[in-house]
Amino acid sequence: MHDIEMIDFELWVISMIRAMCRREGMRLPRIGRADELLDERLAVGAYWNRAGRASRPTSSPE
């Protein structure tokens, strides 16, 4: 599993490639890899949300 920064970088690269193809009138590459990265990013985000909740105290000590 990649970290969020790596996933975001790969998504940026894909978007730049697609923009270049669109500008040059070339056939756009398939978006399957972008879909995979978005799914992975969602999973990583969900993992860190769960992990963050588990490590936080449920009530503030007084």
Protein backbone atom coordinates (compact mmCIF):
# COMPACT_ATOMS: atom_id res chain seq x y z
CA MET A 1 0.00 0.00 0.00
CA HIS A 2 1.31 3.46 -0.89
CA ASP A 3 1.09 6.54 1.28
CA ILE A 4 -1.26 9.42 0.45
CA GLU A 5 1.53 11.60 -0.97
CA MET A 6 2.66 8.90 -3.43
CA ILE A 7 -0.91 8.20 -4.52
CA ASP A 8 -1.56 11.91 -5.04
CA PHE A 9 1.66 12.24 -7.06
CA GLU A 10 0.70 9.30 -9.30
CA LEU A 11 -2.76 10.79 -9.82
CA TRP A 12 -1.15 14.11 -10.74
CA VAL A 13 1.11 12.38 -13.30
CA ILE A 14 -1.90 10.62 -14.83
CA SER A 15 -3.81 13.90 -15.03
CA MET A 16 -0.85 15.63 -16.73
CA ILE A 17 -0.52 12.81 -19.28
CA ARG A 18 -4.25 12.96 -20.04
CA ALA A 19 -4.14 16.77 -20.36
CA MET A 20 -1.20 16.54 -22.77
CA CYS A 21 -2.99 13.91 -24.86
CA ARG A 22 -6.16 16.00 -24.95
CA ARG A 23 -4.20 19.11 -25.97
CA GLU A 24 -2.36 17.23 -28.74
CA GLY A 25 -5.55 15.56 -29.98
CA MET A 26 -4.21 12.12 -29.11
CA ARG A 27 -6.26 9.20 -27.85
CA LEU A 28 -6.64 9.44 -24.08
CA PRO A 29 -5.14 6.64 -22.01
CA ARG A 30 -7.56 4.49 -20.05
CA ILE A 31 -8.41 5.62 -16.55
CA GLY A 32 -8.21 2.19 -14.93
CA ARG A 33 -5.00 3.02 -13.06
CA ALA A 34 -6.51 6.28 -11.80
CA ASP A 35 -9.53 4.33 -10.51
CA GLU A 36 -7.20 1.90 -8.71
CA LEU A 37 -5.29 4.78 -7.12
CA LEU A 38 -8.49 6.51 -6.02
CA ASP A 39 -9.71 3.26 -4.42
CA GLU A 40 -6.34 2.85 -2.68
CA ARG A 41 -6.42 6.47 -1.49
CA LEU A 42 -9.88 5.93 -0.04
CA ALA A 43 -8.69 2.78 1.76
CA VAL A 44 -5.61 4.53 3.18
CA GLY A 45 -7.72 7.46 4.36
CA ALA A 46 -10.24 5.13 6.01
CA TYR A 47 -7.42 3.21 7.71
CA TRP A 48 -5.89 6.37 9.16
CA ASN A 49 -9.31 7.64 10.27
CA ARG A 50 -9.94 4.37 12.14
CA ALA A 51 -6.42 4.33 13.58
CA GLY A 52 -6.75 7.96 14.67
CA ARG A 53 -10.04 7.31 16.44
CA ALA A 54 -8.66 4.23 18.18
CA SER A 55 -5.69 6.14 19.61
CA ARG A 56 -7.66 9.19 20.78
CA PRO A 57 -9.03 9.24 24.30
CA THR A 58 -12.82 8.98 24.43
CA SER A 59 -13.15 11.62 27.13
CA SER A 60 -10.92 14.43 28.29
CA PRO A 61 -9.28 13.90 31.69
CA GLU A 62 -10.16 16.50 34.29
